[in-house]
Amino acid sequence: MKLLPRLLAFAGLAALQACMTPPVQAPSAQAVAEVRAPVTLLVSIDGFRPDYLDRGDTPVLSRLAAEGVRGSMQASFPTKTFPNHYAIVTGLHPDRNGIVGNVIEDVRRPGETFTMATTDRFWWDQAEPIWVTAERAGIRTATMFWPGSNVPVHGTYPSDWQQFTIAMPEANRIAAITDWLRRPAATRPRLLTLYFDSVDTAGHRFGPDSAEVREAMRGVDARIGELLAELQAGGQPVNLIVAADHGMAPVDASRTIDLARSFAPGTIRVIEHGPYASFEAMPGKEAAVRAALAKPVPHMRCWDKADLPARLAYGRNPRVPRFICIAESGWMIIGKPAEHPVRGGAHGYDNADPLMRAGLVAWGPAFGTGRIEGRNVDIYPLVRQLIGLPPAAEIDGSIAPFTPVLK
């Protein structure tokens, strides 16, 4: 019977020791989770006008705009896709960044023409885009499409980039961004770009007030919501800038200007036409061109590039053709056989045209709330600050419009 008291005593001693020994706890998920610094994501919705946020089609972007920053930005002239995308990432107007149009000629490359498929760095090296500057500073970058990001500008690519194809579904573009951000810190990008073309495509085909544009905006808005949900689930904070290159104006076949009625056949060689026309005088025909230039034409104004209004910040670059005509908003200049019927929407007009303004939404830990007005070249110094680069000298953009809305 003496065994039972001994067992009871031993059990009591064990219980006492258990009370005195701190329990061993498994580390919590929060304790072992990586604390991630915010990344900067620059998103372009091609052809996204500021008023598209007021149509009830963008619950995600409208919420972000209410919680953060909403902007209306002036595009650079010409209000075309490639010149303005390059302006956003260089802080320089097209006249200084070298991408002076969607179609370009350069006297140093006779017989060659720059188009939106050109990847020869010769055409892009007049400016340095933000991903090149960042990479040289040791900041890893990744571009899910952006004009120029598939070119070794100044000999440098983004660490990760994708060759543009309009066929890539928007969901796949989102997947690429989330995959890049799932990487370990050493190979994870800190600056990313993302590009959506569907709103611009719908605007060209059907016009800015069409049901198709609204549907395209709903799709892009949903994809951005899915992306933010993925980043939140992965614990990745983001400073998000949703921008646009230009707006969109409605056009139709009843509002066209035939350039041949102003300039006799054989006197000019047209390089671009549409909302604006750029052209050169044929050899020996400059006097005739200048004489025609002096005659007013309804719904169109023409200049020698040296006489363009200073506010356009255009005409000094040797790549700018000698003569420029700009149509009144909604009118189209026909300078050569048209590839498509004149209908739907167009851009390329004077950048003072309200319909050419570009939308902007900025949201994330770096931003407060408010509304701003600025120029698309002002986005570049903002991105520099967000990723920790010092201010740039001798650019056209300024961070001043964003200063009141930065935390």
Protein backbone atom coordinates (compact mmCIF):
# COMPACT_ATOMS: atom_id res chain seq x y z
CA MET A 1 0.00 0.00 0.00
CA LYS A 2 3.03 2.29 0.25
CA LEU A 3 3.25 2.48 -3.56
CA LEU A 4 0.13 4.65 -3.95
CA PRO A 5 1.39 7.57 -1.76
CA ARG A 6 4.66 7.51 -3.66
CA LEU A 7 2.84 7.71 -7.03
CA LEU A 8 0.67 10.54 -5.76
CA ALA A 9 3.70 12.46 -4.53
CA PHE A 10 5.51 11.99 -7.87
CA ALA A 11 2.45 13.23 -9.78
CA GLY A 12 2.23 16.30 -7.57
CA LEU A 13 5.92 17.11 -8.12
CA ALA A 14 5.47 16.79 -11.91
CA ALA A 15 2.47 19.10 -11.80
CA LEU A 16 4.44 21.66 -9.80
CA GLN A 17 7.32 21.57 -12.30
CA ALA A 18 4.88 21.99 -15.16
CA CYS A 19 3.54 25.12 -13.53
CA MET A 20 7.02 26.54 -13.04
CA THR A 21 8.28 25.81 -16.64
CA PRO A 22 7.13 28.33 -19.31
CA PRO A 23 5.16 26.59 -22.07
CA VAL A 24 6.88 26.18 -25.47
CA GLN A 25 4.75 27.97 -28.08
CA ALA A 26 4.88 27.50 -31.86
CA PRO A 27 5.84 30.71 -33.66
CA SER A 28 2.81 32.52 -34.97
CA ALA A 29 2.29 32.99 -38.71
CA GLN A 30 2.47 36.73 -38.16
CA ALA A 31 5.85 36.43 -36.44
CA VAL A 32 7.48 34.47 -39.27
CA ALA A 33 5.78 36.32 -42.17
CA GLU A 34 8.02 38.62 -44.18
CA VAL A 35 7.37 42.30 -43.64
CA ARG A 36 7.31 43.63 -47.20
CA ALA A 37 8.10 47.16 -48.27
CA PRO A 38 5.65 48.76 -50.72
CA VAL A 39 6.33 48.27 -54.41
CA THR A 40 5.42 50.87 -57.03
CA LEU A 41 3.09 49.78 -59.81
CA LEU A 42 2.52 52.11 -62.78
CA VAL A 43 -0.54 51.06 -64.79
CA SER A 44 -1.51 52.50 -68.18
CA ILE A 45 -5.10 52.28 -69.37
CA ASP A 46 -4.64 53.46 -72.95
CA GLY A 47 -7.27 56.03 -73.93
CA PHE A 48 -8.73 56.35 -70.39
CA ARG A 49 -10.42 59.75 -70.07
CA PRO A 50 -10.99 61.26 -66.59
CA ASP A 51 -14.76 61.28 -67.03
CA TYR A 52 -14.84 57.51 -67.55
CA LEU A 53 -14.77 57.24 -63.74
CA ASP A 54 -18.17 58.95 -63.55
CA ARG A 55 -20.16 56.44 -65.59
CA GLY A 56 -20.76 53.86 -62.89
CA ASP A 57 -18.60 51.23 -64.59
CA THR A 58 -15.54 51.32 -62.33
CA PRO A 59 -16.37 50.38 -58.74
CA VAL A 60 -12.76 49.47 -57.94
CA LEU A 61 -11.07 52.50 -59.49
CA SER A 62 -13.75 54.84 -58.20
CA ARG A 63 -13.23 53.51 -54.66
CA LEU A 64 -9.46 53.91 -54.98
CA ALA A 65 -9.95 57.46 -56.27
CA ALA A 66 -12.20 58.27 -53.30
CA GLU A 67 -9.73 56.78 -50.82
CA GLY A 68 -6.69 58.23 -52.58
CA VAL A 69 -6.00 60.64 -55.41
CA ARG A 70 -7.97 61.42 -58.53
CA GLY A 71 -6.39 63.44 -61.33
CA SER A 72 -6.95 64.97 -64.73
CA MET A 73 -3.66 65.15 -66.62
CA GLN A 74 -2.74 67.06 -69.75
CA ALA A 75 -1.21 64.86 -72.42
CA SER A 76 1.81 65.99 -74.40
CA PHE A 77 1.47 66.95 -78.04
CA PRO A 78 1.04 65.01 -80.24
CA THR A 79 -1.60 63.25 -78.19
CA LYS A 80 -0.59 59.86 -79.54
CA THR A 81 0.20 56.58 -77.79
CA PHE A 82 3.96 56.16 -78.13
CA PRO A 83 4.98 59.80 -77.60
CA ASN A 84 2.93 60.03 -74.42
CA HIS A 85 3.89 56.69 -72.94
CA TYR A 86 7.51 57.68 -73.36
CA ALA A 87 6.79 61.11 -71.86
CA ILE A 88 5.33 59.46 -68.75
CA VAL A 89 8.44 57.34 -68.10
CA THR A 90 11.05 59.96 -69.06
CA GLY A 91 9.53 63.19 -67.73
CA LEU A 92 10.26 64.76 -71.13
CA HIS A 93 7.87 66.00 -73.79
CA PRO A 94 8.08 64.15 -77.13
CA ASP A 95 10.11 66.99 -78.61
CA ARG A 96 12.85 66.09 -76.12
CA ASN A 97 12.39 62.35 -75.64
CA GLY A 98 12.75 61.70 -79.38
CA ILE A 99 9.54 59.71 -79.87
CA VAL A 100 7.86 62.57 -81.71
CA GLY A 101 5.05 60.50 -83.25
CA ASN A 102 3.77 57.01 -83.86
CA VAL A 103 5.50 57.26 -87.25
CA ILE A 104 8.92 58.95 -87.39
CA GLU A 105 11.62 59.68 -89.93
CA ASP A 106 15.21 60.69 -89.20
CA VAL A 107 17.61 62.19 -91.75
CA ARG A 108 20.40 60.09 -90.25
CA ARG A 109 18.53 56.94 -91.33
CA PRO A 110 17.32 57.70 -94.86
CA GLY A 111 14.85 55.18 -96.16
CA GLU A 112 13.91 53.97 -92.64
CA THR A 113 10.67 54.70 -90.81
CA PHE A 114 9.96 54.25 -87.10
CA THR A 115 6.67 52.51 -86.38
CA MET A 116 5.16 51.14 -83.20
CA ALA A 117 6.90 47.82 -83.90
CA THR A 118 10.42 49.33 -83.98
CA THR A 119 12.88 47.96 -81.41
CA ASP A 120 16.11 49.50 -82.76
CA ARG A 121 17.54 51.49 -79.84
CA PHE A 122 18.64 54.25 -82.25
CA TRP A 123 15.10 55.61 -82.15
CA TRP A 124 14.72 55.42 -78.36
CA ASP A 125 18.09 56.57 -77.02
CA GLN A 126 17.36 60.31 -76.93
CA ALA A 127 15.93 59.84 -73.43
CA GLU A 128 16.34 57.46 -70.49
CA PRO A 129 13.17 55.77 -69.21
CA ILE A 130 12.68 55.24 -65.50
CA TRP A 131 13.40 51.49 -65.58
CA VAL A 132 16.88 52.12 -67.01
CA THR A 133 17.68 54.69 -64.31
CA ALA A 134 16.30 52.36 -61.64
CA GLU A 135 18.24 49.33 -62.85
CA ARG A 136 21.47 51.32 -62.85
CA ALA A 137 20.73 52.33 -59.25
CA GLY A 138 20.26 48.69 -58.22
CA ILE A 139 16.45 48.83 -58.17
CA ARG A 140 14.96 45.80 -59.89
CA THR A 141 12.19 46.51 -62.42
CA ALA A 142 9.63 44.50 -64.40
CA THR A 143 7.41 45.64 -67.27
CA MET A 144 4.25 43.88 -68.37
CA PHE A 145 4.23 45.88 -71.61
CA TRP A 146 5.20 49.52 -72.05
CA PRO A 147 6.44 51.22 -75.22
CA GLY A 148 10.23 51.06 -75.20
CA SER A 149 10.56 48.44 -72.47
CA ASN A 150 11.38 45.76 -75.07
CA VAL A 151 14.34 47.84 -76.31
CA PRO A 152 17.85 47.95 -74.77
CA VAL A 153 17.66 51.72 -74.23
CA HIS A 154 21.16 52.93 -73.38
CA GLY A 155 22.06 49.24 -73.38
CA THR A 156 19.71 48.28 -70.53
CA TYR A 157 16.50 46.26 -70.34
CA PRO A 158 14.20 45.91 -67.32
CA SER A 159 15.15 42.83 -65.28
CA ASP A 160 11.91 41.26 -66.50
CA TRP A 161 9.86 42.30 -69.50
CA GLN A 162 7.31 40.93 -71.93
CA GLN A 163 7.12 41.48 -75.69
CA PHE A 164 3.82 43.22 -76.41
CA THR A 165 1.07 41.20 -78.03
CA ILE A 166 -2.50 42.43 -78.13
CA ALA A 167 -3.60 38.79 -78.02
CA MET A 168 -2.44 38.28 -74.43
CA PRO A 169 -5.55 38.20 -72.20
CA GLU A 170 -5.70 40.80 -69.46
CA ALA A 171 -5.93 38.04 -66.85
CA ASN A 172 -2.56 36.71 -68.00
CA ARG A 173 -1.02 40.16 -67.60
CA ILE A 174 -2.27 40.25 -64.02
CA ALA A 175 -0.86 36.77 -63.42
CA ALA A 176 2.57 37.89 -64.57
CA ILE A 177 2.59 40.78 -62.08
CA THR A 178 1.54 38.54 -59.18
CA ASP A 179 4.10 35.89 -60.13
CA TRP A 180 6.91 38.45 -60.18
CA LEU A 181 5.85 39.68 -56.74
CA ARG A 182 5.79 36.17 -55.26
CA ARG A 183 9.55 35.89 -55.71
CA PRO A 184 12.09 36.07 -52.89
CA ALA A 185 13.17 39.58 -51.96
CA ALA A 186 16.45 39.32 -53.88
CA THR A 187 14.71 38.89 -57.24
CA ARG A 188 11.43 40.66 -56.56
CA PRO A 189 10.89 43.87 -58.59
CA ARG A 190 10.35 47.13 -56.75
CA LEU A 191 9.02 49.02 -59.78
CA LEU A 192 6.55 47.43 -62.19
CA THR A 193 4.50 48.58 -65.17
CA LEU A 194 1.28 47.15 -66.55
CA TYR A 195 -0.53 48.07 -69.77
CA PHE A 196 -4.14 47.68 -70.91
CA ASP A 197 -5.07 48.40 -74.54
CA SER A 198 -8.74 47.35 -74.62
CA VAL A 199 -10.26 50.74 -73.73
CA ASP A 200 -8.33 52.51 -76.49
CA THR A 201 -9.20 49.80 -79.02
CA ALA A 202 -12.90 50.06 -78.20
CA GLY A 203 -12.72 53.85 -78.34
CA HIS A 204 -11.23 53.81 -81.83
CA ARG A 205 -13.70 51.29 -83.19
CA PHE A 206 -16.91 52.46 -81.54
CA GLY A 207 -16.30 55.93 -80.09
CA PRO A 208 -15.71 57.14 -76.53
CA ASP A 209 -19.41 57.20 -75.64
CA SER A 210 -20.09 53.65 -76.79
CA ALA A 211 -21.32 50.66 -74.82
CA GLU A 212 -18.13 48.88 -75.91
CA VAL A 213 -15.89 51.42 -74.14
CA ARG A 214 -17.96 51.05 -70.99
CA GLU A 215 -17.63 47.27 -71.20
CA ALA A 216 -13.86 47.56 -71.68
CA MET A 217 -13.58 49.84 -68.64
CA ARG A 218 -15.57 47.35 -66.57
CA GLY A 219 -13.19 44.59 -67.60
CA VAL A 220 -10.04 46.55 -66.76
CA ASP A 221 -11.56 47.68 -63.47
CA ALA A 222 -12.31 44.07 -62.52
CA ARG A 223 -8.76 42.98 -63.37
CA ILE A 224 -7.28 45.72 -61.19
CA GLY A 225 -9.55 44.58 -58.36
CA GLU A 226 -8.34 41.00 -58.78
CA LEU A 227 -4.72 42.16 -58.76
CA LEU A 228 -5.14 44.13 -55.55
CA ALA A 229 -6.85 41.16 -53.90
CA GLU A 230 -3.90 38.93 -54.85
CA LEU A 231 -1.40 41.43 -53.47
CA GLN A 232 -3.34 41.83 -50.24
CA ALA A 233 -3.51 38.05 -49.79
CA GLY A 234 0.27 37.89 -50.24
CA GLY A 235 0.91 40.70 -47.78
CA GLN A 236 2.36 42.94 -50.50
CA PRO A 237 1.62 46.67 -50.06
CA VAL A 238 1.61 48.71 -53.25
CA ASN A 239 1.73 52.33 -54.30
CA LEU A 240 -0.52 52.22 -57.34
CA ILE A 241 -0.57 54.84 -60.10
CA VAL A 242 -3.21 54.27 -62.77
CA ALA A 243 -2.57 56.67 -65.65
CA ALA A 244 -3.41 57.19 -69.32
CA ASP A 245 -1.57 58.46 -72.33
CA HIS A 246 -4.39 60.56 -73.81
CA GLY A 247 -8.15 60.84 -74.11
CA MET A 248 -10.46 60.18 -77.04
CA ALA A 249 -12.76 62.31 -79.25
CA PRO A 250 -15.69 61.07 -81.37
CA VAL A 251 -15.20 61.24 -85.16
CA ASP A 252 -17.25 60.39 -88.23
CA ALA A 253 -17.02 60.56 -92.01
CA SER A 254 -18.98 63.84 -92.18
CA ARG A 255 -16.09 65.73 -90.53
CA THR A 256 -13.07 65.24 -92.76
CA ILE A 257 -10.58 67.63 -94.35
CA ASP A 258 -8.94 66.65 -97.61
CA LEU A 259 -5.34 67.83 -97.52
CA ALA A 260 -5.18 67.62 -101.32
CA ARG A 261 -7.59 70.55 -101.55
CA SER A 262 -5.07 72.79 -99.82
CA PHE A 263 -1.83 71.43 -101.24
CA ALA A 264 -1.52 70.63 -104.92
CA PRO A 265 -0.60 67.08 -105.90
CA GLY A 266 3.13 66.47 -105.89
CA THR A 267 3.93 69.33 -103.49
CA ILE A 268 3.96 67.47 -100.17
CA ARG A 269 4.93 64.07 -98.73
CA VAL A 270 2.65 63.13 -95.84
CA ILE A 271 4.18 61.29 -92.87
CA GLU A 272 1.21 61.15 -90.47
CA HIS A 273 -2.41 62.16 -90.89
CA GLY A 274 -5.61 62.04 -88.86
CA PRO A 275 -6.30 64.45 -86.00
CA TYR A 276 -3.07 66.12 -87.05
CA ALA A 277 -0.99 65.86 -90.20
CA SER A 278 2.79 66.12 -90.53
CA PHE A 279 4.48 66.46 -93.88
CA GLU A 280 7.50 67.65 -95.82
CA ALA A 281 7.63 69.75 -98.98
CA MET A 282 8.75 67.88 -102.06
CA PRO A 283 12.06 69.08 -103.55
CA GLY A 284 11.62 72.49 -105.17
CA LYS A 285 8.06 72.87 -103.86
CA GLU A 286 8.64 74.67 -100.55
CA ALA A 287 7.50 78.06 -101.89
CA ALA A 288 4.25 76.52 -103.15
CA VAL A 289 3.69 74.79 -99.82
CA ARG A 290 4.26 78.00 -97.87
CA ALA A 291 1.86 79.87 -100.12
CA ALA A 292 -0.81 77.23 -99.52
CA LEU A 293 -0.03 77.25 -95.82
CA ALA A 294 -0.97 80.93 -95.60
CA LYS A 295 -4.54 80.31 -96.84
CA PRO A 296 -7.01 79.57 -94.01
CA VAL A 297 -8.86 76.26 -94.09
CA PRO A 298 -12.00 75.66 -92.00
CA HIS A 299 -11.51 73.32 -89.02
CA MET A 300 -7.72 73.14 -89.47
CA ARG A 301 -4.66 75.25 -88.65
CA CYS A 302 -1.22 74.77 -90.20
CA TRP A 303 2.28 75.95 -89.28
CA ASP A 304 5.91 75.68 -90.15
CA LYS A 305 7.22 73.80 -87.14
CA ALA A 306 9.36 76.80 -86.18
CA ASP A 307 6.17 78.82 -85.70
CA LEU A 308 4.15 76.35 -83.64
CA PRO A 309 2.67 77.81 -80.43
CA ALA A 310 5.23 77.55 -77.61
CA ARG A 311 2.63 75.90 -75.35
CA LEU A 312 2.76 72.78 -77.55
CA ALA A 313 6.46 72.27 -76.63
CA TYR A 314 6.93 70.80 -80.08
CA GLY A 315 8.95 71.48 -83.19
CA ARG A 316 12.57 71.77 -82.06
CA ASN A 317 13.50 68.13 -82.53
CA PRO A 318 14.97 67.42 -85.98
CA ARG A 319 12.66 64.42 -86.25
CA VAL A 320 9.58 66.66 -86.29
CA PRO A 321 8.51 67.12 -89.93
CA ARG A 322 8.73 70.63 -91.32
CA PHE A 323 4.99 71.31 -91.55
CA ILE A 324 2.22 70.51 -89.08
CA CYS A 325 -1.55 70.87 -89.43
CA ILE A 326 -3.89 70.27 -86.47
CA ALA A 327 -7.59 69.62 -86.96
CA GLU A 328 -10.36 71.00 -84.82
CA SER A 329 -11.51 68.49 -82.23
CA GLY A 330 -13.57 65.74 -83.86
CA TRP A 331 -12.36 66.50 -87.39
CA MET A 332 -9.96 64.30 -89.33
CA ILE A 333 -7.33 65.32 -91.87
CA ILE A 334 -7.07 62.93 -94.82
CA GLY A 335 -3.62 63.16 -96.35
CA LYS A 336 -3.36 59.77 -98.02
CA PRO A 337 -5.63 56.80 -98.64
CA ALA A 338 -7.26 55.88 -95.35
CA GLU A 339 -6.66 52.39 -93.98
CA HIS A 340 -10.01 52.36 -92.18
CA PRO A 341 -13.32 54.22 -92.49
CA VAL A 342 -13.52 57.44 -90.47
CA ARG A 343 -15.75 56.52 -87.55
CA GLY A 344 -15.58 55.78 -83.84
CA GLY A 345 -12.95 57.79 -82.00
CA ALA A 346 -9.50 59.32 -82.44
CA HIS A 347 -6.74 61.10 -80.56
CA GLY A 348 -3.81 63.24 -81.64
CA TYR A 349 -5.49 66.64 -81.35
CA ASP A 350 -4.19 69.77 -79.65
CA ASN A 351 -3.33 68.85 -76.07
CA ALA A 352 -5.42 71.81 -74.85
CA ASP A 353 -8.53 69.96 -76.04
CA PRO A 354 -10.44 68.77 -72.94
CA LEU A 355 -11.26 65.48 -74.69
CA MET A 356 -7.53 64.71 -74.90
CA ARG A 357 -7.02 64.85 -71.13
CA ALA A 358 -5.92 61.64 -69.44
CA GLY A 359 -7.33 60.08 -66.29
CA LEU A 360 -5.28 59.32 -63.17
CA VAL A 361 -5.85 57.43 -59.93
CA ALA A 362 -3.14 57.09 -57.26
CA TRP A 363 -3.60 54.98 -54.12
CA GLY A 364 -1.43 53.33 -51.51
CA PRO A 365 0.52 54.04 -48.31
CA ALA A 366 2.39 56.97 -49.91
CA PHE A 367 -0.78 58.85 -50.82
CA GLY A 368 -3.29 60.91 -48.94
CA THR A 369 -6.56 62.02 -50.51
CA GLY A 370 -7.46 64.77 -52.93
CA ARG A 371 -7.84 65.84 -56.51
CA ILE A 372 -5.09 67.17 -58.73
CA GLU A 373 -4.52 68.57 -62.18
CA GLY A 374 -1.15 68.26 -63.86
CA ARG A 375 0.66 67.01 -66.95
CA ASN A 376 1.59 63.48 -67.78
CA VAL A 377 5.31 64.38 -67.55
CA ASP A 378 4.69 65.07 -63.84
CA ILE A 379 4.23 61.35 -63.19
CA TYR A 380 7.93 60.67 -63.80
CA PRO A 381 9.28 62.68 -60.82
CA LEU A 382 6.56 61.12 -58.65
CA VAL A 383 7.71 57.61 -59.55
CA ARG A 384 11.34 58.58 -58.89
CA GLN A 385 10.43 59.70 -55.39
CA LEU A 386 8.35 56.61 -54.65
CA ILE A 387 11.20 54.24 -55.54
CA GLY A 388 13.83 56.25 -53.72
CA LEU A 389 15.67 57.96 -56.58
CA PRO A 390 16.81 61.57 -56.12
CA PRO A 391 15.05 64.35 -58.05
CA ALA A 392 16.07 64.63 -61.69
CA ALA A 393 17.43 67.83 -63.20
CA GLU A 394 16.43 69.31 -66.54
CA ILE A 395 13.19 67.43 -67.05
CA ASP A 396 9.87 68.87 -68.18
CA GLY A 397 7.86 67.34 -65.34
CA SER A 398 7.44 68.54 -61.77
CA ILE A 399 6.34 66.74 -58.63
CA ALA A 400 4.59 69.91 -57.43
CA PRO A 401 1.04 68.83 -58.41
CA PHE A 402 1.43 65.72 -56.24
CA THR A 403 3.04 67.36 -53.23
CA PRO A 404 -0.27 68.22 -51.50
CA VAL A 405 -1.50 64.60 -51.74
CA LEU A 406 1.66 62.80 -50.63
CA LYS A 407 1.92 61.61 -47.05
